[in-house]
Amino acid sequence: MLLAIYNAANSPETGKPLVRVSVRLMKDGKPATKPFDYVLTETEGDPIPHLRFAEYIRLAGLAPGMYTALVEAKDMVTRKLLKQEAPFEIVN
């Protein structure tokens, strides 16, 4: 999984952003795995300031079929929440 988050606010205390990301894999509207949770604090500056996140998510052991990755990113400074869904298929 690869994502970039733009316009995260900097914390007055640390001068850095604080974004919590949660990824849930769903099959038929039900959780297929436990949520994957991450905390992002390091900004990259090029081409414009953003938080970049890249992580492998283990799919071994999941049955073939259609799934949805539900991604939620919450800016802990402004309390704004962004949600996105990405469908994918596991085949044999």
PDB file of N, CA and C in Angstrom:
ATOM      1  N   MET A   1       0.851  -1.152   0.000  1.00  0.00           N
ATOM      2  CA  MET A   1       0.000   0.000   0.000  1.00  0.00           C
ATOM      3  C   MET A   1       0.904   1.224   0.000  1.00  0.00           C
ATOM      4  N   LEU A   2       0.539   2.202  -0.806  1.00  0.00           N
ATOM      5  CA  LEU A   2       1.281   3.450  -0.893  1.00  0.00           C
ATOM      6  C   LEU A   2       0.289   4.593  -0.874  1.00  0.00           C
ATOM      7  N   LEU A   3       0.535   5.575  -0.009  1.00  0.00           N
ATOM      8  CA  LEU A   3      -0.333   6.751   0.018  1.00  0.00           C
ATOM      9  C   LEU A   3       0.463   7.971   0.414  1.00  0.00           C
ATOM     10  N   ALA A   4      -0.063   9.138   0.063  1.00  0.00           N
ATOM     11  CA  ALA A   4       0.530  10.422   0.448  1.00  0.00           C
ATOM     12  C   ALA A   4      -0.577  11.282   1.036  1.00  0.00           C
ATOM     13  N   ILE A   5      -0.256  11.976   2.119  1.00  0.00           N
ATOM     14  CA  ILE A   5      -1.223  12.838   2.787  1.00  0.00           C
ATOM     15  C   ILE A   5      -0.693  14.263   2.737  1.00  0.00           C
ATOM     16  N   TYR A   6      -1.497  15.156   2.191  1.00  0.00           N
ATOM     17  CA  TYR A   6      -1.115  16.555   2.044  1.00  0.00           C
ATOM     18  C   TYR A   6      -1.898  17.425   3.030  1.00  0.00           C
ATOM     19  N   ASN A   7      -1.339  18.572   3.350  1.00  0.00           N
ATOM     20  CA  ASN A   7      -1.982  19.605   4.173  1.00  0.00           C
ATOM     21  C   ASN A   7      -2.216  19.190   5.619  1.00  0.00           C
ATOM     22  N   ALA A   8      -1.403  18.296   6.158  1.00  0.00           N
ATOM     23  CA  ALA A   8      -1.513  17.965   7.575  1.00  0.00           C
ATOM     24  C   ALA A   8      -0.984  19.149   8.390  1.00  0.00           C
ATOM     25  N   ALA A   9      -1.684  19.477   9.447  1.00  0.00           N
ATOM     26  CA  ALA A   9      -1.283  20.613  10.292  1.00  0.00           C
ATOM     27  C   ALA A   9      -0.141  20.206  11.223  1.00  0.00           C
ATOM     28  N   ASN A  10       0.741  21.155  11.500  1.00  0.00           N
ATOM     29  CA  ASN A  10       1.824  20.925  12.453  1.00  0.00           C
ATOM     30  C   ASN A  10       1.326  21.172  13.865  1.00  0.00           C
ATOM     31  N   SER A  11       1.760  20.328  14.775  1.00  0.00           N
ATOM     32  CA  SER A  11       1.421  20.489  16.191  1.00  0.00           C
ATOM     33  C   SER A  11       2.172  21.686  16.763  1.00  0.00           C
ATOM     34  N   PRO A  12       1.495  22.540  17.541  1.00  0.00           N
ATOM     35  CA  PRO A  12       2.187  23.672  18.164  1.00  0.00           C
ATOM     36  C   PRO A  12       3.296  23.213  19.129  1.00  0.00           C
ATOM     37  N   GLU A  13       3.124  22.048  19.753  1.00  0.00           N
ATOM     38  CA  GLU A  13       4.106  21.555  20.718  1.00  0.00           C
ATOM     39  C   GLU A  13       5.370  21.012  20.058  1.00  0.00           C
ATOM     40  N   THR A  14       5.208  20.244  18.978  1.00  0.00           N
ATOM     41  CA  THR A  14       6.353  19.569  18.361  1.00  0.00           C
ATOM     42  C   THR A  14       6.810  20.192  17.054  1.00  0.00           C
ATOM     43  N   GLY A  15       5.929  20.963  16.417  1.00  0.00           N
ATOM     44  CA  GLY A  15       6.252  21.524  15.104  1.00  0.00           C
ATOM     45  C   GLY A  15       6.143  20.505  13.983  1.00  0.00           C
ATOM     46  N   LYS A  16       5.653  19.304  14.306  1.00  0.00           N
ATOM     47  CA  LYS A  16       5.490  18.241  13.312  1.00  0.00           C
ATOM     48  C   LYS A  16       4.018  17.850  13.222  1.00  0.00           C
ATOM     49  N   PRO A  17       3.616  17.285  12.080  1.00  0.00           N
ATOM     50  CA  PRO A  17       2.249  16.772  11.987  1.00  0.00           C
ATOM     51  C   PRO A  17       2.109  15.478  12.792  1.00  0.00           C
ATOM     52  N   LEU A  18       0.879  15.124  13.086  1.00  0.00           N
ATOM     53  CA  LEU A  18       0.575  13.853  13.753  1.00  0.00           C
ATOM     54  C   LEU A  18      -0.690  13.306  13.100  1.00  0.00           C
ATOM     55  N   VAL A  19      -0.515  12.271  12.275  1.00  0.00           N
ATOM     56  CA  VAL A  19      -1.624  11.668  11.539  1.00  0.00           C
ATOM     57  C   VAL A  19      -1.687  10.189  11.879  1.00  0.00           C
ATOM     58  N   ARG A  20      -2.858   9.732  12.256  1.00  0.00           N
ATOM     59  CA  ARG A  20      -3.079   8.306  12.522  1.00  0.00           C
ATOM     60  C   ARG A  20      -3.797   7.696  11.320  1.00  0.00           C
ATOM     61  N   VAL A  21      -3.240   6.592  10.826  1.00  0.00           N
ATOM     62  CA  VAL A  21      -3.802   5.897   9.669  1.00  0.00           C
ATOM     63  C   VAL A  21      -4.245   4.518  10.118  1.00  0.00           C
ATOM     64  N   SER A  22      -5.457   4.143   9.735  1.00  0.00           N
ATOM     65  CA  SER A  22      -5.991   2.816  10.028  1.00  0.00           C
ATOM     66  C   SER A  22      -6.462   2.194   8.719  1.00  0.00           C
ATOM     67  N   VAL A  23      -6.072   0.944   8.491  1.00  0.00           N
ATOM     68  CA  VAL A  23      -6.473   0.213   7.284  1.00  0.00           C
ATOM     69  C   VAL A  23      -7.212  -1.036   7.725  1.00  0.00           C
ATOM     70  N   ARG A  24      -8.407  -1.212   7.185  1.00  0.00           N
ATOM     71  CA  ARG A  24      -9.197  -2.411   7.467  1.00  0.00           C
ATOM     72  C   ARG A  24      -9.479  -3.126   6.154  1.00  0.00           C
ATOM     73  N   LEU A  25      -9.229  -4.413   6.114  1.00  0.00           N
ATOM     74  CA  LEU A  25      -9.562  -5.220   4.940  1.00  0.00           C
ATOM     75  C   LEU A  25     -10.922  -5.859   5.186  1.00  0.00           C
ATOM     76  N   MET A  26     -11.830  -5.643   4.249  1.00  0.00           N
ATOM     77  CA  MET A  26     -13.202  -6.119   4.385  1.00  0.00           C
ATOM     78  C   MET A  26     -13.542  -7.095   3.254  1.00  0.00           C
ATOM     79  N   LYS A  27     -14.337  -8.098   3.581  1.00  0.00           N
ATOM     80  CA  LYS A  27     -14.870  -9.022   2.573  1.00  0.00           C
ATOM     81  C   LYS A  27     -16.344  -9.201   2.877  1.00  0.00           C
ATOM     82  N   ASP A  28     -17.188  -8.948   1.892  1.00  0.00           N
ATOM     83  CA  ASP A  28     -18.641  -9.059   2.050  1.00  0.00           C
ATOM     84  C   ASP A  28     -19.153  -8.189   3.200  1.00  0.00           C
ATOM     85  N   GLY A  29     -18.547  -7.011   3.374  1.00  0.00           N
ATOM     86  CA  GLY A  29     -18.983  -6.072   4.393  1.00  0.00           C
ATOM     87  C   GLY A  29     -18.546  -6.402   5.805  1.00  0.00           C
ATOM     88  N   LYS A  30     -17.724  -7.448   5.956  1.00  0.00           N
ATOM     89  CA  LYS A  30     -17.261  -7.858   7.279  1.00  0.00           C
ATOM     90  C   LYS A  30     -15.739  -7.805   7.330  1.00  0.00           C
ATOM     91  N   PRO A  31     -15.168  -7.519   8.508  1.00  0.00           N
ATOM     92  CA  PRO A  31     -13.699  -7.487   8.617  1.00  0.00           C
ATOM     93  C   PRO A  31     -13.072  -8.826   8.252  1.00  0.00           C
ATOM     94  N   ALA A  32     -12.044  -8.781   7.406  1.00  0.00           N
ATOM     95  CA  ALA A  32     -11.325  -9.990   7.007  1.00  0.00           C
ATOM     96  C   ALA A  32     -10.050 -10.166   7.830  1.00  0.00           C
ATOM     97  N   THR A  33      -9.571  -9.079   8.427  1.00  0.00           N
ATOM     98  CA  THR A  33      -8.368  -9.096   9.264  1.00  0.00           C
ATOM     99  C   THR A  33      -8.571  -8.094  10.400  1.00  0.00           C
ATOM    100  N   LYS A  34      -7.640  -8.096  11.334  1.00  0.00           N
ATOM    101  CA  LYS A  34      -7.620  -7.041  12.338  1.00  0.00           C
ATOM    102  C   LYS A  34      -7.167  -5.757  11.647  1.00  0.00           C
ATOM    103  N   PRO A  35      -7.530  -4.589  12.172  1.00  0.00           N
ATOM    104  CA  PRO A  35      -7.073  -3.334  11.559  1.00  0.00           C
ATOM    105  C   PRO A  35      -5.552  -3.202  11.646  1.00  0.00           C
ATOM    106  N   PHE A  36      -4.994  -2.537  10.657  1.00  0.00           N
ATOM    107  CA  PHE A  36      -3.579  -2.187  10.649  1.00  0.00           C
ATOM    108  C   PHE A  36      -3.509  -0.699  10.992  1.00  0.00           C
ATOM    109  N   ASP A  37      -2.808  -0.345  12.066  1.00  0.00           N
ATOM    110  CA  ASP A  37      -2.758   1.040  12.530  1.00  0.00           C
ATOM    111  C   ASP A  37      -1.330   1.573  12.474  1.00  0.00           C
ATOM    112  N   TYR A  38      -1.208   2.822  12.038  1.00  0.00           N
ATOM    113  CA  TYR A  38       0.094   3.461  11.883  1.00  0.00           C
ATOM    114  C   TYR A  38       0.000   4.911  12.347  1.00  0.00           C
ATOM    115  N   VAL A  39       1.138   5.477  12.766  1.00  0.00           N
ATOM    116  CA  VAL A  39       1.227   6.881  13.148  1.00  0.00           C
ATOM    117  C   VAL A  39       2.285   7.529  12.256  1.00  0.00           C
ATOM    118  N   LEU A  40       1.912   8.620  11.597  1.00  0.00           N
ATOM    119  CA  LEU A  40       2.822   9.335  10.700  1.00  0.00           C
ATOM    120  C   LEU A  40       3.171  10.688  11.298  1.00  0.00           C
ATOM    121  N   THR A  41       4.462  11.012  11.318  1.00  0.00           N
ATOM    122  CA  THR A  41       4.896  12.293  11.872  1.00  0.00           C
ATOM    123  C   THR A  41       5.973  12.978  11.027  1.00  0.00           C
ATOM    124  N   GLU A  42       6.563  12.265  10.078  1.00  0.00           N
ATOM    125  CA  GLU A  42       7.687  12.814   9.313  1.00  0.00           C
ATOM    126  C   GLU A  42       7.225  13.335   7.955  1.00  0.00           C
ATOM    127  N   THR A  43       7.461  14.618   7.720  1.00  0.00           N
ATOM    128  CA  THR A  43       7.064  15.264   6.469  1.00  0.00           C
ATOM    129  C   THR A  43       8.188  15.182   5.451  1.00  0.00           C
ATOM    130  N   GLU A  44       7.819  14.951   4.192  1.00  0.00           N
ATOM    131  CA  GLU A  44       8.755  15.054   3.069  1.00  0.00           C
ATOM    132  C   GLU A  44       8.443  16.351   2.350  1.00  0.00           C
ATOM    133  N   GLY A  45       9.476  17.038   1.857  1.00  0.00           N
ATOM    134  CA  GLY A  45       9.280  18.370   1.309  1.00  0.00           C
ATOM    135  C   GLY A  45       9.128  18.481  -0.187  1.00  0.00           C
ATOM    136  N   ASP A  46       9.510  17.472  -0.962  1.00  0.00           N
ATOM    137  CA  ASP A  46       9.490  17.593  -2.424  1.00  0.00           C
ATOM    138  C   ASP A  46       8.364  16.786  -3.018  1.00  0.00           C
ATOM    139  N   PRO A  47       7.627  17.239  -3.971  1.00  0.00           N
ATOM    140  CA  PRO A  47       7.660  18.595  -4.529  1.00  0.00           C
ATOM    141  C   PRO A  47       6.969  19.614  -3.624  1.00  0.00           C
ATOM    142  N   ILE A  48       6.016  19.169  -2.795  1.00  0.00           N
ATOM    143  CA  ILE A  48       5.411  20.041  -1.785  1.00  0.00           C
ATOM    144  C   ILE A  48       5.304  19.229  -0.497  1.00  0.00           C
ATOM    145  N   PRO A  49       5.211  19.874   0.663  1.00  0.00           N
ATOM    146  CA  PRO A  49       5.182  19.116   1.920  1.00  0.00           C
ATOM    147  C   PRO A  49       4.034  18.103   1.979  1.00  0.00           C
ATOM    148  N   HIS A  50       4.388  16.880   2.374  1.00  0.00           N
ATOM    149  CA  HIS A  50       3.398  15.816   2.509  1.00  0.00           C
ATOM    150  C   HIS A  50       3.961  14.709   3.394  1.00  0.00           C
ATOM    151  N   LEU A  51       3.093  13.845   3.851  1.00  0.00           N
ATOM    152  CA  LEU A  51       3.491  12.638   4.579  1.00  0.00           C
ATOM    153  C   LEU A  51       3.345  11.475   3.608  1.00  0.00           C
ATOM    154  N   ARG A  52       4.388  10.703   3.442  1.00  0.00           N
ATOM    155  CA  ARG A  52       4.337   9.556   2.542  1.00  0.00           C
ATOM    156  C   ARG A  52       4.356   8.290   3.382  1.00  0.00           C
ATOM    157  N   PHE A  53       3.574   7.319   2.938  1.00  0.00           N
ATOM    158  CA  PHE A  53       3.446   6.074   3.666  1.00  0.00           C
ATOM    159  C   PHE A  53       3.475   4.922   2.680  1.00  0.00           C
ATOM    160  N   ALA A  54       4.349   3.954   2.928  1.00  0.00           N
ATOM    161  CA  ALA A  54       4.412   2.745   2.115  1.00  0.00           C
ATOM    162  C   ALA A  54       4.578   1.558   3.053  1.00  0.00           C
ATOM    163  N   GLU A  55       3.726   0.581   2.897  1.00  0.00           N
ATOM    164  CA  GLU A  55       3.768  -0.571   3.798  1.00  0.00           C
ATOM    165  C   GLU A  55       3.191  -1.785   3.073  1.00  0.00           C
ATOM    166  N   TYR A  56       3.824  -2.926   3.255  1.00  0.00           N
ATOM    167  CA  TYR A  56       3.260  -4.172   2.749  1.00  0.00           C
ATOM    168  C   TYR A  56       2.218  -4.663   3.743  1.00  0.00           C
ATOM    169  N   ILE A  57       1.095  -5.104   3.229  1.00  0.00           N
ATOM    170  CA  ILE A  57       0.060  -5.703   4.068  1.00  0.00           C
ATOM    171  C   ILE A  57      -0.033  -7.174   3.683  1.00  0.00           C
ATOM    172  N   ARG A  58       0.105  -8.023   4.670  1.00  0.00           N
ATOM    173  CA  ARG A  58       0.118  -9.465   4.431  1.00  0.00           C
ATOM    174  C   ARG A  58      -1.273  -9.960   4.029  1.00  0.00           C
ATOM    175  N   LEU A  59      -1.327 -10.582   2.846  1.00  0.00           N
ATOM    176  CA  LEU A  59      -2.586 -11.121   2.342  1.00  0.00           C
ATOM    177  C   LEU A  59      -2.606 -12.648   2.373  1.00  0.00           C
ATOM    178  N   ALA A  60      -1.474 -13.256   2.710  1.00  0.00           N
ATOM    179  CA  ALA A  60      -1.403 -14.715   2.771  1.00  0.00           C
ATOM    180  C   ALA A  60      -2.422 -15.224   3.777  1.00  0.00           C
ATOM    181  N   GLY A  61      -3.088 -16.277   3.402  1.00  0.00           N
ATOM    182  CA  GLY A  61      -4.079 -16.878   4.286  1.00  0.00           C
ATOM    183  C   GLY A  61      -5.496 -16.382   4.043  1.00  0.00           C
ATOM    184  N   LEU A  62      -5.650 -15.312   3.257  1.00  0.00           N
ATOM    185  CA  LEU A  62      -6.996 -14.832   2.939  1.00  0.00           C
ATOM    186  C   LEU A  62      -7.552 -15.636   1.767  1.00  0.00           C
ATOM    187  N   ALA A  63      -8.815 -15.963   1.832  1.00  0.00           N
ATOM    188  CA  ALA A  63      -9.472 -16.737   0.775  1.00  0.00           C
ATOM    189  C   ALA A  63      -9.585 -15.914  -0.501  1.00  0.00           C
ATOM    190  N   PRO A  64      -9.565 -16.562  -1.658  1.00  0.00           N
ATOM    191  CA  PRO A  64      -9.788 -15.825  -2.909  1.00  0.00           C
ATOM    192  C   PRO A  64     -11.141 -15.128  -2.878  1.00  0.00           C
ATOM    193  N   GLY A  65     -11.227 -14.005  -3.549  1.00  0.00           N
ATOM    194  CA  GLY A  65     -12.478 -13.259  -3.625  1.00  0.00           C
ATOM    195  C   GLY A  65     -12.246 -11.766  -3.694  1.00  0.00           C
ATOM    196  N   MET A  66     -13.342 -11.031  -3.683  1.00  0.00           N
ATOM    197  CA  MET A  66     -13.303  -9.567  -3.744  1.00  0.00           C
ATOM    198  C   MET A  66     -13.204  -8.996  -2.328  1.00  0.00           C
ATOM    199  N   TYR A  67     -12.340  -8.009  -2.169  1.00  0.00           N
ATOM    200  CA  TYR A  67     -12.112  -7.358  -0.886  1.00  0.00           C
ATOM    201  C   TYR A  67     -12.155  -5.843  -1.084  1.00  0.00           C
ATOM    202  N   THR A  68     -12.236  -5.141   0.017  1.00  0.00           N
ATOM    203  CA  THR A  68     -12.133  -3.688   0.020  1.00  0.00           C
ATOM    204  C   THR A  68     -11.182  -3.285   1.126  1.00  0.00           C
ATOM    205  N   ALA A  69     -10.239  -2.412   0.792  1.00  0.00           N
ATOM    206  CA  ALA A  69      -9.372  -1.818   1.811  1.00  0.00           C
ATOM    207  C   ALA A  69      -9.995  -0.482   2.204  1.00  0.00           C
ATOM    208  N   LEU A  70     -10.344  -0.346   3.475  1.00  0.00           N
ATOM    209  CA  LEU A  70     -10.888   0.903   4.000  1.00  0.00           C
ATOM    210  C   LEU A  70      -9.757   1.635   4.703  1.00  0.00           C
ATOM    211  N   VAL A  71      -9.405   2.809   4.190  1.00  0.00           N
ATOM    212  CA  VAL A  71      -8.300   3.582   4.739  1.00  0.00           C
ATOM    213  C   VAL A  71      -8.868   4.839   5.387  1.00  0.00           C
ATOM    214  N   GLU A  72      -8.516   5.065   6.646  1.00  0.00           N
ATOM    215  CA  GLU A  72      -8.912   6.272   7.366  1.00  0.00           C
ATOM    216  C   GLU A  72      -7.657   6.970   7.850  1.00  0.00           C
ATOM    217  N   ALA A  73      -7.561   8.254   7.567  1.00  0.00           N
ATOM    218  CA  ALA A  73      -6.439   9.066   8.032  1.00  0.00           C
ATOM    219  C   ALA A  73      -7.007  10.215   8.858  1.00  0.00           C
ATOM    220  N   LYS A  74      -6.553  10.321  10.107  1.00  0.00           N
ATOM    221  CA  LYS A  74      -7.060  11.375  10.988  1.00  0.00           C
ATOM    222  C   LYS A  74      -5.913  12.296  11.392  1.00  0.00           C
ATOM    223  N   ASP A  75      -6.060  13.572  11.049  1.00  0.00           N
ATOM    224  CA  ASP A  75      -5.108  14.594  11.473  1.00  0.00           C
ATOM    225  C   ASP A  75      -5.418  14.876  12.936  1.00  0.00           C
ATOM    226  N   MET A  76      -4.520  14.491  13.819  1.00  0.00           N
ATOM    227  CA  MET A  76      -4.776  14.615  15.252  1.00  0.00           C
ATOM    228  C   MET A  76      -4.667  16.057  15.740  1.00  0.00           C
ATOM    229  N   VAL A  77      -4.109  16.952  14.918  1.00  0.00           N
ATOM    230  CA  VAL A  77      -4.009  18.366  15.287  1.00  0.00           C
ATOM    231  C   VAL A  77      -5.330  19.073  14.999  1.00  0.00           C
ATOM    232  N   THR A  78      -5.863  18.898  13.780  1.00  0.00           N
ATOM    233  CA  THR A  78      -7.105  19.572  13.386  1.00  0.00           C
ATOM    234  C   THR A  78      -8.339  18.707  13.629  1.00  0.00           C
ATOM    235  N   ARG A  79      -8.123  17.402  13.903  1.00  0.00           N
ATOM    236  CA  ARG A  79      -9.198  16.418  14.112  1.00  0.00           C
ATOM    237  C   ARG A  79      -9.971  16.112  12.831  1.00  0.00           C
ATOM    238  N   LYS A  80      -9.427  16.469  11.669  1.00  0.00           N
ATOM    239  CA  LYS A  80     -10.077  16.145  10.400  1.00  0.00           C
ATOM    240  C   LYS A  80      -9.848  14.671  10.078  1.00  0.00           C
ATOM    241  N   LEU A  81     -10.888  14.039   9.530  1.00  0.00           N
ATOM    242  CA  LEU A  81     -10.839  12.627   9.181  1.00  0.00           C
ATOM    243  C   LEU A  81     -11.107  12.467   7.694  1.00  0.00           C
ATOM    244  N   LEU A  82     -10.225  11.738   7.026  1.00  0.00           N
ATOM    245  CA  LEU A  82     -10.397  11.425   5.612  1.00  0.00           C
ATOM    246  C   LEU A  82     -10.564   9.922   5.476  1.00  0.00           C
ATOM    247  N   LYS A  83     -11.485   9.512   4.589  1.00  0.00           N
ATOM    248  CA  LYS A  83     -11.726   8.092   4.358  1.00  0.00           C
ATOM    249  C   LYS A  83     -11.641   7.807   2.871  1.00  0.00           C
ATOM    250  N   GLN A  84     -11.110   6.627   2.551  1.00  0.00           N
ATOM    251  CA  GLN A  84     -11.071   6.203   1.163  1.00  0.00           C
ATOM    252  C   GLN A  84     -11.188   4.689   1.111  1.00  0.00           C
ATOM    253  N   GLU A  85     -11.836   4.192   0.061  1.00  0.00           N
ATOM    254  CA  GLU A  85     -12.003   2.764  -0.141  1.00  0.00           C
ATOM    255  C   GLU A  85     -11.302   2.358  -1.435  1.00  0.00           C
ATOM    256  N   ALA A  86     -10.694   1.183  -1.425  1.00  0.00           N
ATOM    257  CA  ALA A  86     -10.032   0.664  -2.628  1.00  0.00           C
ATOM    258  C   ALA A  86     -10.378  -0.817  -2.765  1.00  0.00           C
ATOM    259  N   PRO A  87     -11.160  -1.173  -3.793  1.00  0.00           N
ATOM    260  CA  PRO A  87     -11.475  -2.582  -3.998  1.00  0.00           C
ATOM    261  C   PRO A  87     -10.301  -3.316  -4.628  1.00  0.00           C
ATOM    262  N   PHE A  88     -10.166  -4.603  -4.302  1.00  0.00           N
ATOM    263  CA  PHE A  88      -9.149  -5.450  -4.930  1.00  0.00           C
ATOM    264  C   PHE A  88      -9.617  -6.900  -4.881  1.00  0.00           C
ATOM    265  N   GLU A  89      -8.960  -7.726  -5.664  1.00  0.00           N
ATOM    266  CA  GLU A  89      -9.343  -9.140  -5.734  1.00  0.00           C
ATOM    267  C   GLU A  89      -8.139 -10.021  -5.438  1.00  0.00           C
ATOM    268  N   ILE A  90      -8.363 -11.074  -4.673  1.00  0.00           N
ATOM    269  CA  ILE A  90      -7.350 -12.095  -4.432  1.00  0.00           C
ATOM    270  C   ILE A  90      -7.747 -13.299  -5.283  1.00  0.00           C
ATOM    271  N   VAL A  91      -6.825 -13.746  -6.100  1.00  0.00           N
ATOM    272  CA  VAL A  91      -7.082 -14.905  -6.973  1.00  0.00           C
ATOM    273  C   VAL A  91      -6.122 -16.035  -6.623  1.00  0.00           C
ATOM    274  N   ASN A  92      -6.496 -17.231  -7.031  1.00  0.00           N
ATOM    275  CA  ASN A  92      -5.609 -18.393  -6.811  1.00  0.00           C
ATOM    276  C   ASN A  92      -4.487 -18.389  -7.791  1.00  0.00           C
TER     277      ASN A  92
END
